[in-house]
Amino acid sequence: MAEREIVSIIWHQQGDQVDLVYLEGESDRLVGAQDVVAELARSAGLVSVPSASGTIRWVRPTGAGKS
């Protein structure tokens, strides 16, 4: 099974909810601690961007992608 490319992660402080957004297909909603989600974002090559209060958002840098 091919790995789905993550293009964005949003961590919600309330309930430690995590939205994983993929290049293709449906997004996933999970539960995870902020430090674990931050490591996932880093390993996926995502960078932190401004987001709403109570959330942290990571996105794929412009022009970046898997080869």
PDB file of N, CA and C in Angstrom:
ATOM      1  N   MET A   1       0.846  -1.187   0.000  1.00  0.00           N
ATOM      2  CA  MET A   1       0.000   0.000   0.000  1.00  0.00           C
ATOM      3  C   MET A   1       0.890   1.248   0.000  1.00  0.00           C
ATOM      4  N   ALA A   2       0.617   2.181  -0.867  1.00  0.00           N
ATOM      5  CA  ALA A   2       1.398   3.411  -0.986  1.00  0.00           C
ATOM      6  C   ALA A   2       1.099   4.344   0.189  1.00  0.00           C
ATOM      7  N   GLU A   3       2.137   5.042   0.631  1.00  0.00           N
ATOM      8  CA  GLU A   3       1.997   6.007   1.713  1.00  0.00           C
ATOM      9  C   GLU A   3       1.335   7.270   1.165  1.00  0.00           C
ATOM     10  N   ARG A   4       0.355   7.804   1.898  1.00  0.00           N
ATOM     11  CA  ARG A   4      -0.307   9.036   1.478  1.00  0.00           C
ATOM     12  C   ARG A   4       0.522  10.237   1.934  1.00  0.00           C
ATOM     13  N   GLU A   5       0.666  11.216   1.035  1.00  0.00           N
ATOM     14  CA  GLU A   5       1.463  12.398   1.335  1.00  0.00           C
ATOM     15  C   GLU A   5       0.672  13.397   2.181  1.00  0.00           C
ATOM     16  N   ILE A   6       1.210  13.714   3.358  1.00  0.00           N
ATOM     17  CA  ILE A   6       0.593  14.702   4.245  1.00  0.00           C
ATOM     18  C   ILE A   6       0.997  16.092   3.773  1.00  0.00           C
ATOM     19  N   VAL A   7       0.020  16.973   3.581  1.00  0.00           N
ATOM     20  CA  VAL A   7       0.323  18.340   3.150  1.00  0.00           C
ATOM     21  C   VAL A   7       0.026  19.366   4.239  1.00  0.00           C
ATOM     22  N   SER A   8      -0.726  18.971   5.271  1.00  0.00           N
ATOM     23  CA  SER A   8      -1.048  19.891   6.351  1.00  0.00           C
ATOM     24  C   SER A   8      -1.454  19.094   7.584  1.00  0.00           C
ATOM     25  N   ILE A   9      -1.079  19.624   8.737  1.00  0.00           N
ATOM     26  CA  ILE A   9      -1.511  19.064  10.015  1.00  0.00           C
ATOM     27  C   ILE A   9      -2.006  20.215  10.867  1.00  0.00           C
ATOM     28  N   ILE A  10      -3.153  20.029  11.498  1.00  0.00           N
ATOM     29  CA  ILE A  10      -3.680  21.029  12.428  1.00  0.00           C
ATOM     30  C   ILE A  10      -3.899  20.335  13.764  1.00  0.00           C
ATOM     31  N   TRP A  11      -3.235  20.838  14.807  1.00  0.00           N
ATOM     32  CA  TRP A  11      -3.394  20.315  16.155  1.00  0.00           C
ATOM     33  C   TRP A  11      -4.288  21.265  16.936  1.00  0.00           C
ATOM     34  N   HIS A  12      -5.335  20.726  17.545  1.00  0.00           N
ATOM     35  CA  HIS A  12      -6.287  21.509  18.336  1.00  0.00           C
ATOM     36  C   HIS A  12      -6.020  21.241  19.814  1.00  0.00           C
ATOM     37  N   GLN A  13      -5.716  22.286  20.556  1.00  0.00           N
ATOM     38  CA  GLN A  13      -5.415  22.150  21.979  1.00  0.00           C
ATOM     39  C   GLN A  13      -6.557  21.450  22.711  1.00  0.00           C
ATOM     40  N   GLN A  14      -7.784  21.848  22.421  1.00  0.00           N
ATOM     41  CA  GLN A  14      -8.936  21.243  23.084  1.00  0.00           C
ATOM     42  C   GLN A  14      -9.088  19.797  22.626  1.00  0.00           C
ATOM     43  N   GLY A  15      -8.889  18.880  23.520  1.00  0.00           N
ATOM     44  CA  GLY A  15      -9.061  17.470  23.210  1.00  0.00           C
ATOM     45  C   GLY A  15      -7.886  16.837  22.484  1.00  0.00           C
ATOM     46  N   ASP A  16      -6.796  17.587  22.288  1.00  0.00           N
ATOM     47  CA  ASP A  16      -5.632  17.071  21.551  1.00  0.00           C
ATOM     48  C   ASP A  16      -6.034  16.474  20.197  1.00  0.00           C
ATOM     49  N   GLN A  17      -7.015  17.083  19.540  1.00  0.00           N
ATOM     50  CA  GLN A  17      -7.458  16.584  18.233  1.00  0.00           C
ATOM     51  C   GLN A  17      -6.488  17.009  17.147  1.00  0.00           C
ATOM     52  N   VAL A  18      -6.275  16.111  16.195  1.00  0.00           N
ATOM     53  CA  VAL A  18      -5.330  16.339  15.104  1.00  0.00           C
ATOM     54  C   VAL A  18      -6.018  16.087  13.773  1.00  0.00           C
ATOM     55  N   ASP A  19      -5.930  17.034  12.858  1.00  0.00           N
ATOM     56  CA  ASP A  19      -6.431  16.855  11.497  1.00  0.00           C
ATOM     57  C   ASP A  19      -5.236  16.645  10.577  1.00  0.00           C
ATOM     58  N   LEU A  20      -5.170  15.489   9.937  1.00  0.00           N
ATOM     59  CA  LEU A  20      -4.146  15.198   8.939  1.00  0.00           C
ATOM     60  C   LEU A  20      -4.776  15.394   7.570  1.00  0.00           C
ATOM     61  N   VAL A  21      -4.212  16.279   6.769  1.00  0.00           N
ATOM     62  CA  VAL A  21      -4.734  16.572   5.443  1.00  0.00           C
ATOM     63  C   VAL A  21      -3.738  16.028   4.422  1.00  0.00           C
ATOM     64  N   TYR A  22      -4.241  15.223   3.505  1.00  0.00           N
ATOM     65  CA  TYR A  22      -3.397  14.553   2.522  1.00  0.00           C
ATOM     66  C   TYR A  22      -3.519  15.221   1.159  1.00  0.00           C
ATOM     67  N   LEU A  23      -2.512  15.013   0.320  1.00  0.00           N
ATOM     68  CA  LEU A  23      -2.532  15.535  -1.039  1.00  0.00           C
ATOM     69  C   LEU A  23      -3.742  14.999  -1.792  1.00  0.00           C
ATOM     70  N   GLU A  24      -4.043  13.727  -1.580  1.00  0.00           N
ATOM     71  CA  GLU A  24      -5.195  13.105  -2.233  1.00  0.00           C
ATOM     72  C   GLU A  24      -6.018  12.350  -1.196  1.00  0.00           C
ATOM     73  N   GLY A  25      -7.322  12.334  -1.376  1.00  0.00           N
ATOM     74  CA  GLY A  25      -8.194  11.565  -0.506  1.00  0.00           C
ATOM     75  C   GLY A  25      -8.700  12.343   0.693  1.00  0.00           C
ATOM     76  N   GLU A  26      -9.440  11.634   1.525  1.00  0.00           N
ATOM     77  CA  GLU A  26     -10.056  12.214   2.720  1.00  0.00           C
ATOM     78  C   GLU A  26      -9.002  12.505   3.781  1.00  0.00           C
ATOM     79  N   SER A  27      -9.267  13.513   4.603  1.00  0.00           N
ATOM     80  CA  SER A  27      -8.387  13.791   5.732  1.00  0.00           C
ATOM     81  C   SER A  27      -8.744  12.853   6.890  1.00  0.00           C
ATOM     82  N   ASP A  28      -7.851  12.752   7.855  1.00  0.00           N
ATOM     83  CA  ASP A  28      -8.072  11.929   9.041  1.00  0.00           C
ATOM     84  C   ASP A  28      -8.121  12.820  10.262  1.00  0.00           C
ATOM     85  N   ARG A  29      -8.956  12.432  11.253  1.00  0.00           N
ATOM     86  CA  ARG A  29      -8.978  13.110  12.552  1.00  0.00           C
ATOM     87  C   ARG A  29      -8.537  12.098  13.590  1.00  0.00           C
ATOM     88  N   LEU A  30      -7.476  12.473  14.319  1.00  0.00           N
ATOM     89  CA  LEU A  30      -6.889  11.601  15.328  1.00  0.00           C
ATOM     90  C   LEU A  30      -6.769  12.362  16.639  1.00  0.00           C
ATOM     91  N   VAL A  31      -6.247  11.700  17.650  1.00  0.00           N
ATOM     92  CA  VAL A  31      -5.939  12.335  18.925  1.00  0.00           C
ATOM     93  C   VAL A  31      -4.450  12.145  19.164  1.00  0.00           C
ATOM     94  N   GLY A  32      -3.753  13.227  19.548  1.00  0.00           N
ATOM     95  CA  GLY A  32      -2.321  13.117  19.789  1.00  0.00           C
ATOM     96  C   GLY A  32      -1.783  14.290  20.575  1.00  0.00           C
ATOM     97  N   ALA A  33      -0.749  14.032  21.364  1.00  0.00           N
ATOM     98  CA  ALA A  33      -0.089  15.065  22.150  1.00  0.00           C
ATOM     99  C   ALA A  33       0.668  16.024  21.228  1.00  0.00           C
ATOM    100  N   GLN A  34       0.746  17.280  21.633  1.00  0.00           N
ATOM    101  CA  GLN A  34       1.374  18.319  20.812  1.00  0.00           C
ATOM    102  C   GLN A  34       2.804  17.952  20.414  1.00  0.00           C
ATOM    103  N   ASP A  35       3.607  17.433  21.341  1.00  0.00           N
ATOM    104  CA  ASP A  35       5.002  17.132  21.009  1.00  0.00           C
ATOM    105  C   ASP A  35       5.123  15.993  19.997  1.00  0.00           C
ATOM    106  N   VAL A  36       4.235  15.031  20.070  1.00  0.00           N
ATOM    107  CA  VAL A  36       4.243  13.922  19.110  1.00  0.00           C
ATOM    108  C   VAL A  36       3.830  14.423  17.728  1.00  0.00           C
ATOM    109  N   VAL A  37       2.815  15.277  17.685  1.00  0.00           N
ATOM    110  CA  VAL A  37       2.335  15.821  16.414  1.00  0.00           C
ATOM    111  C   VAL A  37       3.395  16.734  15.797  1.00  0.00           C
ATOM    112  N   ALA A  38       4.085  17.507  16.623  1.00  0.00           N
ATOM    113  CA  ALA A  38       5.159  18.373  16.120  1.00  0.00           C
ATOM    114  C   ALA A  38       6.262  17.534  15.479  1.00  0.00           C
ATOM    115  N   GLU A  39       6.594  16.407  16.070  1.00  0.00           N
ATOM    116  CA  GLU A  39       7.618  15.526  15.503  1.00  0.00           C
ATOM    117  C   GLU A  39       7.135  14.920  14.184  1.00  0.00           C
ATOM    118  N   LEU A  40       5.866  14.531  14.127  1.00  0.00           N
ATOM    119  CA  LEU A  40       5.295  14.016  12.876  1.00  0.00           C
ATOM    120  C   LEU A  40       5.394  15.077  11.786  1.00  0.00           C
ATOM    121  N   ALA A  41       5.025  16.310  12.112  1.00  0.00           N
ATOM    122  CA  ALA A  41       5.093  17.403  11.133  1.00  0.00           C
ATOM    123  C   ALA A  41       6.528  17.606  10.649  1.00  0.00           C
ATOM    124  N   ARG A  42       7.469  17.597  11.581  1.00  0.00           N
ATOM    125  CA  ARG A  42       8.874  17.774  11.213  1.00  0.00           C
ATOM    126  C   ARG A  42       9.335  16.657  10.293  1.00  0.00           C
ATOM    127  N   SER A  43       8.976  15.427  10.627  1.00  0.00           N
ATOM    128  CA  SER A  43       9.416  14.292   9.806  1.00  0.00           C
ATOM    129  C   SER A  43       8.753  14.284   8.432  1.00  0.00           C
ATOM    130  N   ALA A  44       7.590  14.937   8.314  1.00  0.00           N
ATOM    131  CA  ALA A  44       6.897  15.027   7.031  1.00  0.00           C
ATOM    132  C   ALA A  44       7.368  16.227   6.215  1.00  0.00           C
ATOM    133  N   GLY A  45       8.308  17.028   6.770  1.00  0.00           N
ATOM    134  CA  GLY A  45       8.830  18.184   6.045  1.00  0.00           C
ATOM    135  C   GLY A  45       7.927  19.394   6.080  1.00  0.00           C
ATOM    136  N   LEU A  46       7.038  19.463   7.076  1.00  0.00           N
ATOM    137  CA  LEU A  46       6.106  20.585   7.179  1.00  0.00           C
ATOM    138  C   LEU A  46       6.688  21.683   8.052  1.00  0.00           C
ATOM    139  N   VAL A  47       6.217  22.913   7.852  1.00  0.00           N
ATOM    140  CA  VAL A  47       6.656  24.056   8.652  1.00  0.00           C
ATOM    141  C   VAL A  47       5.457  24.693   9.334  1.00  0.00           C
ATOM    142  N   SER A  48       5.695  25.259  10.505  1.00  0.00           N
ATOM    143  CA  SER A  48       4.639  25.906  11.278  1.00  0.00           C
ATOM    144  C   SER A  48       4.259  27.242  10.631  1.00  0.00           C
ATOM    145  N   VAL A  49       2.961  27.525  10.611  1.00  0.00           N
ATOM    146  CA  VAL A  49       2.452  28.790  10.078  1.00  0.00           C
ATOM    147  C   VAL A  49       1.450  29.368  11.080  1.00  0.00           C
ATOM    148  N   PRO A  50       1.164  30.671  10.996  1.00  0.00           N
ATOM    149  CA  PRO A  50       0.181  31.259  11.909  1.00  0.00           C
ATOM    150  C   PRO A  50      -1.159  30.527  11.818  1.00  0.00           C
ATOM    151  N   SER A  51      -1.809  30.408  12.979  1.00  0.00           N
ATOM    152  CA  SER A  51      -3.109  29.736  13.020  1.00  0.00           C
ATOM    153  C   SER A  51      -3.974  30.354  14.110  1.00  0.00           C
ATOM    154  N   ALA A  52      -5.208  29.907  14.162  1.00  0.00           N
ATOM    155  CA  ALA A  52      -6.163  30.430  15.141  1.00  0.00           C
ATOM    156  C   ALA A  52      -5.723  30.090  16.562  1.00  0.00           C
ATOM    157  N   SER A  53      -6.164  30.870  17.511  1.00  0.00           N
ATOM    158  CA  SER A  53      -5.869  30.624  18.916  1.00  0.00           C
ATOM    159  C   SER A  53      -6.302  29.209  19.303  1.00  0.00           C
ATOM    160  N   GLY A  54      -5.449  28.526  20.042  1.00  0.00           N
ATOM    161  CA  GLY A  54      -5.775  27.175  20.487  1.00  0.00           C
ATOM    162  C   GLY A  54      -5.441  26.094  19.478  1.00  0.00           C
ATOM    163  N   THR A  55      -4.774  26.489  18.386  1.00  0.00           N
ATOM    164  CA  THR A  55      -4.375  25.517  17.371  1.00  0.00           C
ATOM    165  C   THR A  55      -2.926  25.776  16.953  1.00  0.00           C
ATOM    166  N   ILE A  56      -2.319  24.754  16.402  1.00  0.00           N
ATOM    167  CA  ILE A  56      -1.016  24.891  15.749  1.00  0.00           C
ATOM    168  C   ILE A  56      -1.172  24.240  14.388  1.00  0.00           C
ATOM    169  N   ARG A  57      -0.677  24.918  13.356  1.00  0.00           N
ATOM    170  CA  ARG A  57      -0.832  24.414  11.990  1.00  0.00           C
ATOM    171  C   ARG A  57       0.526  24.318  11.314  1.00  0.00           C
ATOM    172  N   TRP A  58       0.721  23.197  10.633  1.00  0.00           N
ATOM    173  CA  TRP A  58       1.926  22.973   9.840  1.00  0.00           C
ATOM    174  C   TRP A  58       1.500  22.715   8.405  1.00  0.00           C
ATOM    175  N   VAL A  59       2.259  23.229   7.450  1.00  0.00           N
ATOM    176  CA  VAL A  59       1.959  23.024   6.029  1.00  0.00           C
ATOM    177  C   VAL A  59       3.241  22.693   5.276  1.00  0.00           C
ATOM    178  N   ARG A  60       3.079  22.145   4.082  1.00  0.00           N
ATOM    179  CA  ARG A  60       4.215  21.867   3.201  1.00  0.00           C
ATOM    180  C   ARG A  60       4.684  23.210   2.642  1.00  0.00           C
ATOM    181  N   PRO A  61       5.989  23.493   2.723  1.00  0.00           N
ATOM    182  CA  PRO A  61       6.507  24.762   2.175  1.00  0.00           C
ATOM    183  C   PRO A  61       6.184  24.870   0.688  1.00  0.00           C
ATOM    184  N   THR A  62       5.948  26.066   0.216  1.00  0.00           N
ATOM    185  CA  THR A  62       5.657  26.309  -1.196  1.00  0.00           C
ATOM    186  C   THR A  62       6.760  25.743  -2.077  1.00  0.00           C
ATOM    187  N   GLY A  63       6.362  25.010  -3.094  1.00  0.00           N
ATOM    188  CA  GLY A  63       7.331  24.435  -4.030  1.00  0.00           C
ATOM    189  C   GLY A  63       7.927  23.128  -3.566  1.00  0.00           C
ATOM    190  N   ALA A  64       7.587  22.681  -2.356  1.00  0.00           N
ATOM    191  CA  ALA A  64       8.138  21.424  -1.851  1.00  0.00           C
ATOM    192  C   ALA A  64       7.190  20.280  -2.173  1.00  0.00           C
ATOM    193  N   GLY A  65       7.727  19.096  -2.236  1.00  0.00           N
ATOM    194  CA  GLY A  65       6.927  17.892  -2.500  1.00  0.00           C
ATOM    195  C   GLY A  65       7.812  16.696  -2.617  1.00  0.00           C
ATOM    196  N   LYS A  66       7.210  15.549  -2.629  1.00  0.00           N
ATOM    197  CA  LYS A  66       7.991  14.317  -2.760  1.00  0.00           C
ATOM    198  C   LYS A  66       8.443  14.141  -4.192  1.00  0.00           C
ATOM    199  N   SER A  67       9.609  13.602  -4.340  1.00  0.00           N
ATOM    200  CA  SER A  67      10.152  13.338  -5.685  1.00  0.00           C
ATOM    201  C   SER A  67       9.704  11.991  -6.172  1.00  0.00           C
TER     202      SER A  67
END
